[in-house]
Amino acid sequence: MARTSTYLNFPRNTEAAFLFYQSVFGGEFGNDGIARFCDIPVTPDMPPLAAEDQQLIMHVELVIVGGHVLMGTDAPESMGFKVAFGNNVHINLEPDTKAETKALFDQLSAGGVVTMPLQVMFWGAYYGSCTDKFGVHWMFNCTGE
């Protein structure tokens, strides 16, 4: 089923932030709880993960008011990120089909910047991201066909 969510990037304190949000909104973390960077399957072309980054949050989600899903990740500088106001929030779209995902991605990225081309990821989703011509960050995560 299609849904829209908000994705938040934190420098290294996603767990503290989401424990706080959970205390405010209640509920349980979705998708089998908190996924950490050490949970990523290692591939030969993947650079080694620093020991201090292994327990950081790769993905967490929490349903808040009205069924809206709040998602988050750690984005530390050691992994090449520099979190700043403006790049710490993404609108995450989860269309029902790959065709719909591609159409929305192509339209929203036109005149903007593709930050990750659409591709099948290790978690099984058809995923990509872009910044539109107005500077809004979008993520696409399709698990349908």
N, C-alpha and C. Protein backbone atom coordinates (compact mmCIF):
# COMPACT_ATOMS: atom_id res chain seq x y z
N MET A 1 0.85 -1.18 0.00
CA MET A 1 0.00 0.00 0.00
C MET A 1 0.89 1.24 0.00
N ALA A 2 0.60 2.18 -0.83
CA ALA A 2 1.38 3.41 -0.93
C ALA A 2 1.27 4.22 0.35
N ARG A 3 2.35 4.93 0.67
CA ARG A 3 2.34 5.81 1.83
C ARG A 3 3.40 6.88 1.65
N THR A 4 3.28 7.93 2.43
CA THR A 4 4.26 9.01 2.45
C THR A 4 4.72 9.16 3.89
N SER A 5 6.01 9.40 4.05
CA SER A 5 6.56 9.54 5.40
C SER A 5 7.60 10.65 5.39
N THR A 6 8.06 11.01 6.57
CA THR A 6 9.11 12.00 6.72
C THR A 6 10.36 11.29 7.21
N TYR A 7 11.50 11.55 6.56
CA TYR A 7 12.76 10.89 6.91
C TYR A 7 13.71 11.93 7.49
N LEU A 8 14.20 11.67 8.69
CA LEU A 8 15.09 12.60 9.39
C LEU A 8 16.50 12.03 9.46
N ASN A 9 17.50 12.88 9.20
CA ASN A 9 18.92 12.51 9.31
C ASN A 9 19.51 13.21 10.53
N PHE A 10 20.23 12.44 11.32
CA PHE A 10 20.90 12.98 12.50
C PHE A 10 22.39 12.67 12.41
N PRO A 11 23.24 13.52 13.01
CA PRO A 11 24.68 13.27 12.89
C PRO A 11 25.14 11.99 13.60
N ARG A 12 24.64 11.70 14.79
CA ARG A 12 25.01 10.49 15.52
C ARG A 12 24.03 10.21 16.67
N ASN A 13 22.89 10.88 16.70
CA ASN A 13 22.01 10.76 17.86
C ASN A 13 20.58 10.35 17.50
N THR A 14 20.43 9.56 16.44
CA THR A 14 19.11 9.09 16.03
C THR A 14 18.43 8.28 17.13
N GLU A 15 19.18 7.42 17.78
CA GLU A 15 18.56 6.57 18.82
C GLU A 15 17.98 7.43 19.93
N ALA A 16 18.73 8.41 20.41
CA ALA A 16 18.22 9.30 21.46
C ALA A 16 16.99 10.06 20.98
N ALA A 17 17.04 10.55 19.74
CA ALA A 17 15.90 11.30 19.18
C ALA A 17 14.66 10.43 19.10
N PHE A 18 14.81 9.20 18.60
CA PHE A 18 13.64 8.34 18.43
C PHE A 18 13.13 7.77 19.74
N LEU A 19 13.99 7.58 20.71
CA LEU A 19 13.50 7.19 22.03
C LEU A 19 12.68 8.33 22.63
N PHE A 20 13.11 9.57 22.38
CA PHE A 20 12.33 10.73 22.81
C PHE A 20 10.99 10.77 22.09
N TYR A 21 10.99 10.62 20.75
CA TYR A 21 9.73 10.65 20.00
C TYR A 21 8.80 9.53 20.45
N GLN A 22 9.37 8.37 20.75
CA GLN A 22 8.56 7.26 21.23
C GLN A 22 7.93 7.59 22.58
N SER A 23 8.66 8.32 23.43
CA SER A 23 8.11 8.71 24.73
C SER A 23 6.97 9.72 24.56
N VAL A 24 7.03 10.51 23.52
CA VAL A 24 5.99 11.51 23.25
C VAL A 24 4.76 10.86 22.61
N PHE A 25 4.98 10.06 21.54
CA PHE A 25 3.88 9.53 20.74
C PHE A 25 3.45 8.12 21.14
N GLY A 26 4.30 7.40 21.88
CA GLY A 26 3.99 6.02 22.20
C GLY A 26 4.26 5.11 21.02
N GLY A 27 3.83 3.86 21.14
CA GLY A 27 3.97 2.92 20.04
C GLY A 27 5.31 2.19 20.05
N GLU A 28 5.44 1.28 19.11
CA GLU A 28 6.65 0.48 18.95
C GLU A 28 7.32 0.85 17.63
N PHE A 29 8.62 0.64 17.55
CA PHE A 29 9.34 0.88 16.31
C PHE A 29 8.94 -0.19 15.30
N GLY A 30 8.66 0.23 14.08
CA GLY A 30 8.21 -0.67 13.02
C GLY A 30 9.36 -1.43 12.36
N ASN A 31 9.00 -2.31 11.42
CA ASN A 31 9.98 -3.07 10.63
C ASN A 31 10.99 -3.80 11.50
N ASP A 32 10.55 -4.56 12.45
CA ASP A 32 11.43 -5.35 13.32
C ASP A 32 12.34 -4.49 14.19
N GLY A 33 11.93 -3.30 14.52
CA GLY A 33 12.69 -2.46 15.44
C GLY A 33 13.79 -1.65 14.78
N ILE A 34 14.87 -1.46 15.49
CA ILE A 34 15.97 -0.62 15.04
C ILE A 34 16.96 -1.45 14.23
N ALA A 35 17.27 -0.99 13.01
CA ALA A 35 18.31 -1.62 12.18
C ALA A 35 19.58 -0.78 12.31
N ARG A 36 20.69 -1.45 12.53
CA ARG A 36 21.97 -0.76 12.72
C ARG A 36 22.88 -0.99 11.52
N PHE A 37 23.88 -0.12 11.37
CA PHE A 37 24.80 -0.23 10.24
C PHE A 37 25.52 -1.57 10.22
N CYS A 38 25.75 -2.17 11.37
CA CYS A 38 26.41 -3.48 11.41
C CYS A 38 25.53 -4.57 10.81
N ASP A 39 24.23 -4.29 10.58
CA ASP A 39 23.31 -5.25 9.99
C ASP A 39 23.40 -5.30 8.46
N ILE A 40 24.11 -4.35 7.85
CA ILE A 40 24.24 -4.31 6.38
C ILE A 40 25.08 -5.49 5.94
N PRO A 41 24.60 -6.27 4.97
CA PRO A 41 25.42 -7.38 4.45
C PRO A 41 26.71 -6.83 3.82
N VAL A 42 27.83 -7.40 4.17
CA VAL A 42 29.13 -6.96 3.66
C VAL A 42 29.32 -7.48 2.24
N THR A 43 29.78 -6.59 1.35
CA THR A 43 30.11 -6.97 -0.02
C THR A 43 31.58 -6.66 -0.26
N PRO A 44 32.20 -7.32 -1.24
CA PRO A 44 33.63 -7.11 -1.49
C PRO A 44 34.00 -5.66 -1.83
N ASP A 45 33.10 -4.93 -2.47
CA ASP A 45 33.41 -3.55 -2.87
C ASP A 45 33.04 -2.51 -1.81
N MET A 46 32.57 -2.97 -0.68
CA MET A 46 32.14 -2.07 0.39
C MET A 46 33.33 -1.74 1.30
N PRO A 47 33.57 -0.44 1.57
CA PRO A 47 34.65 -0.11 2.49
C PRO A 47 34.32 -0.59 3.90
N PRO A 48 35.34 -0.90 4.69
CA PRO A 48 35.08 -1.37 6.06
C PRO A 48 34.39 -0.30 6.89
N LEU A 49 33.53 -0.74 7.78
CA LEU A 49 32.78 0.16 8.66
C LEU A 49 33.58 0.37 9.94
N ALA A 50 33.80 1.63 10.29
CA ALA A 50 34.54 1.95 11.51
C ALA A 50 33.82 1.38 12.72
N ALA A 51 34.59 0.90 13.69
CA ALA A 51 34.01 0.29 14.90
C ALA A 51 33.03 1.24 15.59
N GLU A 52 33.35 2.53 15.64
CA GLU A 52 32.48 3.49 16.33
C GLU A 52 31.18 3.77 15.58
N ASP A 53 31.09 3.31 14.33
CA ASP A 53 29.88 3.53 13.53
C ASP A 53 28.98 2.29 13.45
N GLN A 54 29.45 1.15 13.88
CA GLN A 54 28.71 -0.09 13.69
C GLN A 54 27.37 -0.12 14.42
N GLN A 55 27.26 0.50 15.56
CA GLN A 55 26.00 0.47 16.32
C GLN A 55 25.10 1.67 16.04
N LEU A 56 25.53 2.54 15.12
CA LEU A 56 24.67 3.66 14.74
C LEU A 56 23.43 3.15 14.01
N ILE A 57 22.39 3.97 13.98
CA ILE A 57 21.11 3.58 13.40
C ILE A 57 21.15 3.73 11.88
N MET A 58 20.88 2.61 11.18
CA MET A 58 20.73 2.63 9.73
C MET A 58 19.29 3.03 9.38
N HIS A 59 18.33 2.50 10.16
CA HIS A 59 16.92 2.81 9.89
C HIS A 59 16.08 2.53 11.13
N VAL A 60 15.15 3.46 11.37
CA VAL A 60 14.15 3.28 12.43
C VAL A 60 12.89 4.01 11.96
N GLU A 61 11.74 3.47 12.34
CA GLU A 61 10.49 4.16 12.00
C GLU A 61 9.49 4.02 13.13
N LEU A 62 8.65 5.07 13.25
CA LEU A 62 7.66 5.14 14.31
C LEU A 62 6.41 5.82 13.76
N VAL A 63 5.27 5.17 13.93
CA VAL A 63 4.00 5.78 13.52
C VAL A 63 3.62 6.82 14.56
N ILE A 64 3.32 8.04 14.07
CA ILE A 64 2.93 9.11 14.99
C ILE A 64 1.49 9.52 14.70
N VAL A 65 1.12 10.74 14.91
CA VAL A 65 -0.26 11.22 14.78
C VAL A 65 -0.85 10.96 13.39
N GLY A 66 -2.07 10.44 13.37
CA GLY A 66 -2.79 10.26 12.11
C GLY A 66 -2.21 9.20 11.20
N GLY A 67 -1.39 8.31 11.74
CA GLY A 67 -0.81 7.26 10.92
C GLY A 67 0.44 7.68 10.15
N HIS A 68 0.86 8.95 10.32
CA HIS A 68 2.06 9.41 9.63
C HIS A 68 3.27 8.65 10.17
N VAL A 69 4.18 8.25 9.27
CA VAL A 69 5.36 7.49 9.67
C VAL A 69 6.57 8.43 9.70
N LEU A 70 7.21 8.48 10.86
CA LEU A 70 8.44 9.23 11.05
C LEU A 70 9.58 8.23 10.99
N MET A 71 10.55 8.47 10.09
CA MET A 71 11.69 7.57 9.92
C MET A 71 12.98 8.33 10.19
N GLY A 72 14.06 7.59 10.49
CA GLY A 72 15.31 8.26 10.75
C GLY A 72 16.52 7.39 10.54
N THR A 73 17.68 8.05 10.44
CA THR A 73 18.96 7.39 10.28
C THR A 73 20.07 8.27 10.85
N ASP A 74 21.17 7.64 11.24
CA ASP A 74 22.37 8.39 11.57
C ASP A 74 23.12 8.67 10.27
N ALA A 75 23.64 9.86 10.14
CA ALA A 75 24.39 10.27 8.95
C ALA A 75 25.68 10.95 9.41
N PRO A 76 26.63 10.18 9.95
CA PRO A 76 27.83 10.77 10.53
C PRO A 76 28.84 11.22 9.47
N GLU A 77 29.64 12.19 9.82
CA GLU A 77 30.67 12.69 8.91
C GLU A 77 31.66 11.60 8.54
N SER A 78 31.91 10.64 9.42
CA SER A 78 32.83 9.55 9.12
C SER A 78 32.37 8.71 7.93
N MET A 79 31.09 8.80 7.58
CA MET A 79 30.55 8.08 6.42
C MET A 79 30.33 9.01 5.24
N GLY A 80 30.88 10.22 5.32
CA GLY A 80 30.80 11.15 4.20
C GLY A 80 29.62 12.09 4.24
N PHE A 81 28.87 12.12 5.32
CA PHE A 81 27.72 13.01 5.44
C PHE A 81 28.08 14.25 6.23
N LYS A 82 27.40 15.31 5.95
CA LYS A 82 27.49 16.52 6.76
C LYS A 82 26.08 17.02 6.95
N VAL A 83 25.49 16.66 8.07
CA VAL A 83 24.11 17.03 8.36
C VAL A 83 24.06 18.51 8.70
N ALA A 84 23.15 19.20 8.03
CA ALA A 84 22.95 20.62 8.26
C ALA A 84 21.47 20.92 8.04
N PHE A 85 21.01 22.02 8.61
CA PHE A 85 19.63 22.42 8.39
C PHE A 85 19.39 22.48 6.88
N GLY A 86 18.36 21.80 6.43
CA GLY A 86 18.05 21.77 5.00
C GLY A 86 18.32 20.42 4.37
N ASN A 87 19.32 19.68 4.84
CA ASN A 87 19.55 18.36 4.27
C ASN A 87 19.21 17.26 5.27
N ASN A 88 18.64 17.64 6.39
CA ASN A 88 18.34 16.67 7.44
C ASN A 88 16.91 16.12 7.35
N VAL A 89 16.12 16.59 6.40
CA VAL A 89 14.74 16.12 6.26
C VAL A 89 14.49 15.74 4.80
N HIS A 90 13.91 14.57 4.59
CA HIS A 90 13.51 14.11 3.25
C HIS A 90 12.04 13.71 3.30
N ILE A 91 11.35 13.94 2.21
CA ILE A 91 10.01 13.38 2.05
C ILE A 91 10.19 12.03 1.38
N ASN A 92 9.71 10.99 2.02
CA ASN A 92 9.88 9.63 1.53
C ASN A 92 8.58 9.16 0.89
N LEU A 93 8.65 8.80 -0.39
CA LEU A 93 7.48 8.30 -1.11
C LEU A 93 7.62 6.79 -1.30
N GLU A 94 6.54 6.07 -1.06
CA GLU A 94 6.53 4.62 -1.23
C GLU A 94 5.37 4.25 -2.17
N PRO A 95 5.55 4.50 -3.48
CA PRO A 95 4.49 4.15 -4.43
C PRO A 95 4.26 2.64 -4.50
N ASP A 96 3.13 2.26 -5.10
CA ASP A 96 2.77 0.85 -5.20
C ASP A 96 3.57 0.09 -6.25
N THR A 97 4.01 0.78 -7.32
CA THR A 97 4.68 0.07 -8.42
C THR A 97 6.00 0.76 -8.80
N LYS A 98 6.88 -0.02 -9.44
CA LYS A 98 8.14 0.53 -9.94
C LYS A 98 7.88 1.56 -11.03
N ALA A 99 6.87 1.33 -11.85
CA ALA A 99 6.56 2.27 -12.93
C ALA A 99 6.13 3.63 -12.35
N GLU A 100 5.29 3.61 -11.34
CA GLU A 100 4.86 4.85 -10.70
C GLU A 100 6.05 5.52 -10.01
N THR A 101 6.90 4.72 -9.38
CA THR A 101 8.09 5.25 -8.72
C THR A 101 8.98 5.96 -9.72
N LYS A 102 9.25 5.33 -10.86
CA LYS A 102 10.11 5.93 -11.89
C LYS A 102 9.49 7.21 -12.43
N ALA A 103 8.19 7.21 -12.68
CA ALA A 103 7.53 8.41 -13.21
C ALA A 103 7.65 9.58 -12.22
N LEU A 104 7.38 9.32 -10.95
CA LEU A 104 7.50 10.38 -9.94
C LEU A 104 8.95 10.84 -9.79
N PHE A 105 9.88 9.89 -9.78
CA PHE A 105 11.31 10.21 -9.65
C PHE A 105 11.76 11.09 -10.82
N ASP A 106 11.41 10.69 -12.04
CA ASP A 106 11.81 11.46 -13.22
C ASP A 106 11.25 12.88 -13.19
N GLN A 107 10.00 13.02 -12.78
CA GLN A 107 9.39 14.35 -12.73
C GLN A 107 9.98 15.22 -11.64
N LEU A 108 10.17 14.65 -10.44
CA LEU A 108 10.68 15.44 -9.32
C LEU A 108 12.17 15.77 -9.47
N SER A 109 12.93 14.93 -10.16
CA SER A 109 14.36 15.19 -10.33
C SER A 109 14.66 16.09 -11.52
N ALA A 110 13.67 16.32 -12.40
CA ALA A 110 13.88 17.17 -13.58
C ALA A 110 14.27 18.58 -13.13
N GLY A 111 15.42 19.04 -13.59
CA GLY A 111 15.90 20.36 -13.21
C GLY A 111 16.57 20.39 -11.85
N GLY A 112 16.60 19.25 -11.18
CA GLY A 112 17.23 19.15 -9.86
C GLY A 112 18.48 18.29 -9.94
N VAL A 113 18.75 17.55 -8.87
CA VAL A 113 19.95 16.72 -8.78
C VAL A 113 19.55 15.31 -8.34
N VAL A 114 19.98 14.31 -9.11
CA VAL A 114 19.79 12.92 -8.69
C VAL A 114 20.92 12.59 -7.72
N THR A 115 20.58 12.28 -6.48
CA THR A 115 21.60 11.96 -5.47
C THR A 115 21.88 10.47 -5.40
N MET A 116 20.91 9.64 -5.80
CA MET A 116 21.12 8.20 -5.97
C MET A 116 20.13 7.71 -7.01
N PRO A 117 20.63 7.19 -8.14
CA PRO A 117 19.72 6.69 -9.17
C PRO A 117 18.85 5.55 -8.64
N LEU A 118 17.67 5.39 -9.23
CA LEU A 118 16.80 4.29 -8.84
C LEU A 118 17.49 2.96 -9.11
N GLN A 119 17.45 2.06 -8.12
CA GLN A 119 18.07 0.74 -8.24
C GLN A 119 17.51 -0.18 -7.18
N VAL A 120 17.63 -1.47 -7.40
CA VAL A 120 17.19 -2.45 -6.39
C VAL A 120 18.27 -2.52 -5.32
N MET A 121 17.86 -2.37 -4.07
CA MET A 121 18.80 -2.35 -2.95
C MET A 121 18.79 -3.68 -2.20
N PHE A 122 19.75 -3.84 -1.29
CA PHE A 122 19.90 -5.10 -0.57
C PHE A 122 18.69 -5.45 0.28
N TRP A 123 17.88 -4.45 0.66
CA TRP A 123 16.68 -4.75 1.45
C TRP A 123 15.50 -5.11 0.55
N GLY A 124 15.74 -5.15 -0.77
CA GLY A 124 14.73 -5.62 -1.71
C GLY A 124 13.89 -4.55 -2.35
N ALA A 125 14.05 -3.30 -1.95
CA ALA A 125 13.23 -2.22 -2.50
C ALA A 125 13.91 -1.59 -3.71
N TYR A 126 13.10 -1.00 -4.56
CA TYR A 126 13.54 -0.17 -5.68
C TYR A 126 13.68 1.22 -5.10
N TYR A 127 14.92 1.69 -4.96
CA TYR A 127 15.21 2.88 -4.17
C TYR A 127 16.02 3.89 -4.97
N GLY A 128 15.77 5.17 -4.71
CA GLY A 128 16.57 6.26 -5.26
C GLY A 128 16.26 7.54 -4.51
N SER A 129 17.07 8.57 -4.76
CA SER A 129 16.81 9.85 -4.10
C SER A 129 17.23 10.99 -5.01
N CYS A 130 16.63 12.14 -4.76
CA CYS A 130 16.94 13.33 -5.55
C CYS A 130 16.62 14.58 -4.74
N THR A 131 17.15 15.68 -5.21
CA THR A 131 16.79 17.00 -4.69
C THR A 131 16.13 17.73 -5.84
N ASP A 132 14.91 18.21 -5.64
CA ASP A 132 14.20 18.86 -6.74
C ASP A 132 14.77 20.26 -6.99
N LYS A 133 14.27 20.91 -8.02
CA LYS A 133 14.81 22.21 -8.43
C LYS A 133 14.55 23.32 -7.41
N PHE A 134 13.75 23.01 -6.38
CA PHE A 134 13.49 23.99 -5.32
C PHE A 134 14.28 23.67 -4.05
N GLY A 135 15.12 22.62 -4.10
CA GLY A 135 15.95 22.26 -2.95
C GLY A 135 15.31 21.29 -1.98
N VAL A 136 14.15 20.73 -2.32
CA VAL A 136 13.48 19.76 -1.45
C VAL A 136 14.06 18.37 -1.72
N HIS A 137 14.38 17.64 -0.65
CA HIS A 137 14.97 16.31 -0.75
C HIS A 137 13.88 15.25 -0.76
N TRP A 138 13.96 14.33 -1.73
CA TRP A 138 12.98 13.26 -1.89
C TRP A 138 13.68 11.91 -1.87
N MET A 139 13.03 10.93 -1.26
CA MET A 139 13.48 9.54 -1.28
C MET A 139 12.32 8.70 -1.84
N PHE A 140 12.67 7.64 -2.56
CA PHE A 140 11.69 6.75 -3.16
C PHE A 140 12.05 5.32 -2.74
N ASN A 141 11.07 4.59 -2.24
CA ASN A 141 11.30 3.25 -1.72
C ASN A 141 10.11 2.38 -2.11
N CYS A 142 10.21 1.69 -3.22
CA CYS A 142 9.10 0.88 -3.72
C CYS A 142 9.37 -0.59 -3.49
N THR A 143 8.43 -1.27 -2.83
CA THR A 143 8.57 -2.71 -2.60
C THR A 143 7.62 -3.51 -3.50
N GLY A 144 6.86 -2.81 -4.32
CA GLY A 144 5.95 -3.48 -5.25
C GLY A 144 6.63 -3.78 -6.58
N GLU A 145 5.88 -4.32 -7.48
CA GLU A 145 6.38 -4.63 -8.82
C GLU A 145 6.04 -3.49 -9.72
